[in-house]
Amino acid sequence: MSKKEKNEDLREWSEDLIQFTKDAFLDQDFGFTPEKTVRLKRNDGSYGYIELWDALNSRYNVHNDKRGNVYEYNNVSEMIKDGWVLD
């Protein structure tokens, strides 16, 4: 697959969605208990989740449903830059 074809598959997230995701993680305003998981979507069309307990402790490990990988991020901005937002 060429780089151009790959880029055509990517979604452009709106500034509102990106800001909503940042605010939710940074303010820890999810409305559920720490034992829950938060569903995420990625701009390549895949889905994943993050353990809310980890997020509350500023550890951003995203478990990718599609590939079975776990991605580790140092902060919310890195996670979003890599294409992850709240579903």
N, C-alpha and C. Protein backbone atom coordinates (compact mmCIF):
# COMPACT_ATOMS: atom_id res chain seq x y z
N MET A 1 0.85 -1.17 0.00
CA MET A 1 0.00 0.00 0.00
C MET A 1 0.89 1.24 0.00
N SER A 2 0.62 2.13 -0.87
CA SER A 2 1.41 3.35 -0.94
C SER A 2 1.03 4.29 0.21
N LYS A 3 1.90 5.24 0.47
CA LYS A 3 1.63 6.20 1.54
C LYS A 3 0.35 6.98 1.26
N LYS A 4 0.12 7.33 0.01
CA LYS A 4 -1.08 8.09 -0.34
C LYS A 4 -2.33 7.27 -0.03
N GLU A 5 -2.34 5.99 -0.42
CA GLU A 5 -3.50 5.16 -0.15
C GLU A 5 -3.75 5.03 1.35
N LYS A 6 -2.67 4.87 2.12
CA LYS A 6 -2.82 4.76 3.57
C LYS A 6 -3.43 6.03 4.14
N ASN A 7 -2.97 7.18 3.70
CA ASN A 7 -3.50 8.44 4.21
C ASN A 7 -4.97 8.62 3.89
N GLU A 8 -5.42 8.06 2.79
CA GLU A 8 -6.83 8.18 2.44
C GLU A 8 -7.72 7.43 3.43
N ASP A 9 -7.15 6.43 4.12
CA ASP A 9 -7.92 5.67 5.09
C ASP A 9 -8.05 6.39 6.43
N LEU A 10 -7.22 7.39 6.66
CA LEU A 10 -7.23 8.07 7.95
C LEU A 10 -8.39 9.05 8.03
N ARG A 11 -8.96 9.12 9.22
CA ARG A 11 -10.03 10.09 9.46
C ARG A 11 -9.42 11.35 10.05
N GLU A 12 -9.98 12.46 9.72
CA GLU A 12 -9.56 13.71 10.34
C GLU A 12 -10.50 13.98 11.51
N TRP A 13 -9.95 14.00 12.71
CA TRP A 13 -10.77 14.29 13.88
C TRP A 13 -11.02 15.79 13.97
N SER A 14 -12.20 16.14 14.43
CA SER A 14 -12.52 17.55 14.60
C SER A 14 -11.79 18.11 15.82
N GLU A 15 -11.58 19.40 15.81
CA GLU A 15 -10.94 20.05 16.96
C GLU A 15 -11.78 19.86 18.22
N ASP A 16 -13.10 19.85 18.06
CA ASP A 16 -13.99 19.64 19.21
C ASP A 16 -13.79 18.26 19.83
N LEU A 17 -13.69 17.24 18.98
CA LEU A 17 -13.50 15.88 19.47
C LEU A 17 -12.15 15.73 20.16
N ILE A 18 -11.12 16.33 19.59
CA ILE A 18 -9.79 16.28 20.20
C ILE A 18 -9.80 16.99 21.55
N GLN A 19 -10.41 18.16 21.62
CA GLN A 19 -10.47 18.91 22.87
C GLN A 19 -11.31 18.16 23.91
N PHE A 20 -12.41 17.56 23.49
CA PHE A 20 -13.26 16.77 24.39
C PHE A 20 -12.47 15.63 25.00
N THR A 21 -11.67 14.95 24.18
CA THR A 21 -10.85 13.83 24.65
C THR A 21 -9.80 14.32 25.65
N LYS A 22 -9.12 15.40 25.32
CA LYS A 22 -8.12 15.96 26.24
C LYS A 22 -8.75 16.33 27.57
N ASP A 23 -9.86 17.06 27.50
CA ASP A 23 -10.52 17.51 28.72
C ASP A 23 -10.97 16.34 29.58
N ALA A 24 -11.53 15.32 28.96
CA ALA A 24 -12.03 14.17 29.72
C ALA A 24 -10.91 13.47 30.46
N PHE A 25 -9.79 13.25 29.79
CA PHE A 25 -8.68 12.56 30.45
C PHE A 25 -7.98 13.45 31.47
N LEU A 26 -7.76 14.70 31.12
CA LEU A 26 -7.02 15.58 32.03
C LEU A 26 -7.85 15.95 33.24
N ASP A 27 -9.16 16.11 33.06
CA ASP A 27 -10.04 16.45 34.18
C ASP A 27 -10.56 15.20 34.89
N GLN A 28 -10.30 14.03 34.32
CA GLN A 28 -10.76 12.76 34.88
C GLN A 28 -12.27 12.77 35.09
N ASP A 29 -12.98 13.28 34.09
CA ASP A 29 -14.43 13.42 34.18
C ASP A 29 -15.11 12.39 33.29
N PHE A 30 -15.19 11.16 33.78
CA PHE A 30 -15.77 10.08 32.98
C PHE A 30 -17.12 9.63 33.48
N GLY A 31 -17.40 9.84 34.74
CA GLY A 31 -18.70 9.45 35.27
C GLY A 31 -18.83 7.98 35.59
N PHE A 32 -17.72 7.24 35.63
CA PHE A 32 -17.83 5.87 36.11
C PHE A 32 -16.64 5.50 36.98
N THR A 33 -16.71 4.30 37.54
CA THR A 33 -15.74 3.88 38.55
C THR A 33 -14.38 3.56 37.93
N PRO A 34 -13.32 3.64 38.72
CA PRO A 34 -11.97 3.40 38.20
C PRO A 34 -11.74 2.00 37.63
N GLU A 35 -12.58 1.03 38.01
CA GLU A 35 -12.39 -0.33 37.50
C GLU A 35 -12.84 -0.48 36.05
N LYS A 36 -13.53 0.50 35.52
CA LYS A 36 -14.05 0.43 34.16
C LYS A 36 -12.96 0.67 33.11
N THR A 37 -13.31 0.38 31.88
CA THR A 37 -12.44 0.72 30.76
C THR A 37 -13.12 1.78 29.91
N VAL A 38 -12.32 2.54 29.21
CA VAL A 38 -12.83 3.60 28.33
C VAL A 38 -12.55 3.19 26.90
N ARG A 39 -13.59 3.15 26.07
CA ARG A 39 -13.45 2.75 24.68
C ARG A 39 -12.91 3.91 23.85
N LEU A 40 -11.95 3.59 23.02
CA LEU A 40 -11.32 4.58 22.14
C LEU A 40 -11.44 4.15 20.69
N LYS A 41 -11.35 5.11 19.80
CA LYS A 41 -11.26 4.79 18.38
C LYS A 41 -10.02 5.47 17.84
N ARG A 42 -9.49 4.89 16.77
CA ARG A 42 -8.26 5.42 16.20
C ARG A 42 -8.52 5.87 14.77
N ASN A 43 -7.71 6.80 14.29
CA ASN A 43 -7.95 7.35 12.96
C ASN A 43 -7.63 6.38 11.84
N ASP A 44 -7.19 5.15 12.16
CA ASP A 44 -7.02 4.14 11.11
C ASP A 44 -8.22 3.20 11.04
N GLY A 45 -9.27 3.51 11.83
CA GLY A 45 -10.49 2.71 11.81
C GLY A 45 -10.54 1.62 12.86
N SER A 46 -9.48 1.46 13.65
CA SER A 46 -9.48 0.42 14.67
C SER A 46 -10.00 0.98 15.99
N TYR A 47 -10.30 0.07 16.89
CA TYR A 47 -10.80 0.44 18.21
C TYR A 47 -9.89 -0.13 19.27
N GLY A 48 -9.98 0.45 20.44
CA GLY A 48 -9.19 -0.03 21.56
C GLY A 48 -9.82 0.44 22.85
N TYR A 49 -9.11 0.21 23.94
CA TYR A 49 -9.61 0.67 25.22
C TYR A 49 -8.44 1.02 26.12
N ILE A 50 -8.73 1.81 27.11
CA ILE A 50 -7.75 2.19 28.10
C ILE A 50 -8.36 1.91 29.47
N GLU A 51 -7.56 1.36 30.37
CA GLU A 51 -8.03 1.11 31.72
C GLU A 51 -8.19 2.47 32.41
N LEU A 52 -9.37 2.75 32.91
CA LEU A 52 -9.61 4.05 33.54
C LEU A 52 -8.70 4.23 34.75
N TRP A 53 -8.45 3.16 35.49
CA TRP A 53 -7.56 3.27 36.66
C TRP A 53 -6.19 3.79 36.24
N ASP A 54 -5.67 3.26 35.11
CA ASP A 54 -4.37 3.73 34.61
C ASP A 54 -4.43 5.20 34.24
N ALA A 55 -5.50 5.60 33.56
CA ALA A 55 -5.63 6.99 33.14
C ALA A 55 -5.70 7.93 34.34
N LEU A 56 -6.39 7.49 35.39
CA LEU A 56 -6.48 8.32 36.59
C LEU A 56 -5.12 8.48 37.26
N ASN A 57 -4.22 7.56 36.98
CA ASN A 57 -2.86 7.62 37.53
C ASN A 57 -1.85 8.08 36.49
N SER A 58 -2.36 8.72 35.44
CA SER A 58 -1.52 9.29 34.37
C SER A 58 -0.66 8.26 33.67
N ARG A 59 -1.19 7.06 33.50
CA ARG A 59 -0.54 6.05 32.66
C ARG A 59 -1.52 5.77 31.52
N TYR A 60 -1.06 5.96 30.31
CA TYR A 60 -1.95 5.85 29.16
C TYR A 60 -1.54 4.66 28.30
N ASN A 61 -2.02 3.49 28.69
CA ASN A 61 -1.75 2.26 27.95
C ASN A 61 -3.00 1.90 27.17
N VAL A 62 -2.93 2.01 25.86
CA VAL A 62 -4.08 1.73 25.01
C VAL A 62 -3.96 0.31 24.45
N HIS A 63 -4.97 -0.50 24.72
CA HIS A 63 -5.03 -1.87 24.23
C HIS A 63 -5.81 -1.87 22.92
N ASN A 64 -5.15 -2.23 21.84
CA ASN A 64 -5.76 -2.19 20.51
C ASN A 64 -6.53 -3.48 20.25
N ASP A 65 -7.83 -3.37 20.03
CA ASP A 65 -8.68 -4.53 19.77
C ASP A 65 -8.31 -5.23 18.47
N LYS A 66 -7.92 -4.46 17.48
CA LYS A 66 -7.69 -4.99 16.14
C LYS A 66 -6.41 -5.81 16.06
N ARG A 67 -5.36 -5.32 16.68
CA ARG A 67 -4.05 -5.95 16.54
C ARG A 67 -3.58 -6.66 17.80
N GLY A 68 -4.23 -6.43 18.91
CA GLY A 68 -3.81 -7.03 20.16
C GLY A 68 -2.60 -6.37 20.79
N ASN A 69 -2.17 -5.23 20.25
CA ASN A 69 -1.01 -4.52 20.78
C ASN A 69 -1.41 -3.63 21.95
N VAL A 70 -0.44 -3.31 22.77
CA VAL A 70 -0.64 -2.32 23.82
C VAL A 70 0.33 -1.17 23.54
N TYR A 71 -0.21 0.03 23.42
CA TYR A 71 0.58 1.22 23.15
C TYR A 71 0.71 2.03 24.43
N GLU A 72 1.91 2.41 24.76
CA GLU A 72 2.16 3.19 25.98
C GLU A 72 2.45 4.65 25.61
N TYR A 73 1.76 5.55 26.29
CA TYR A 73 1.95 6.98 26.06
C TYR A 73 2.26 7.68 27.37
N ASN A 74 3.05 8.72 27.29
CA ASN A 74 3.43 9.48 28.48
C ASN A 74 2.38 10.51 28.89
N ASN A 75 1.54 10.89 27.94
CA ASN A 75 0.52 11.88 28.25
C ASN A 75 -0.61 11.79 27.23
N VAL A 76 -1.67 12.50 27.50
CA VAL A 76 -2.86 12.47 26.64
C VAL A 76 -2.56 13.01 25.25
N SER A 77 -1.75 14.05 25.17
CA SER A 77 -1.44 14.64 23.86
C SER A 77 -0.74 13.64 22.95
N GLU A 78 0.16 12.83 23.49
CA GLU A 78 0.83 11.79 22.68
C GLU A 78 -0.18 10.78 22.15
N MET A 79 -1.11 10.39 23.01
CA MET A 79 -2.14 9.42 22.64
C MET A 79 -2.99 9.96 21.49
N ILE A 80 -3.39 11.22 21.60
CA ILE A 80 -4.22 11.84 20.56
C ILE A 80 -3.42 12.02 19.28
N LYS A 81 -2.18 12.44 19.41
CA LYS A 81 -1.32 12.62 18.23
C LYS A 81 -1.17 11.32 17.44
N ASP A 82 -1.21 10.19 18.16
CA ASP A 82 -1.09 8.89 17.51
C ASP A 82 -2.43 8.41 16.96
N GLY A 83 -3.49 9.24 17.11
CA GLY A 83 -4.76 8.93 16.46
C GLY A 83 -5.87 8.46 17.37
N TRP A 84 -5.66 8.36 18.68
CA TRP A 84 -6.69 7.85 19.59
C TRP A 84 -7.55 8.97 20.16
N VAL A 85 -8.87 8.78 20.12
CA VAL A 85 -9.82 9.69 20.77
C VAL A 85 -10.93 8.86 21.39
N LEU A 86 -11.74 9.51 22.23
CA LEU A 86 -12.87 8.82 22.85
C LEU A 86 -13.87 8.41 21.79
N ASP A 87 -14.43 7.22 21.97
CA ASP A 87 -15.42 6.69 21.02
C ASP A 87 -16.79 7.25 21.35
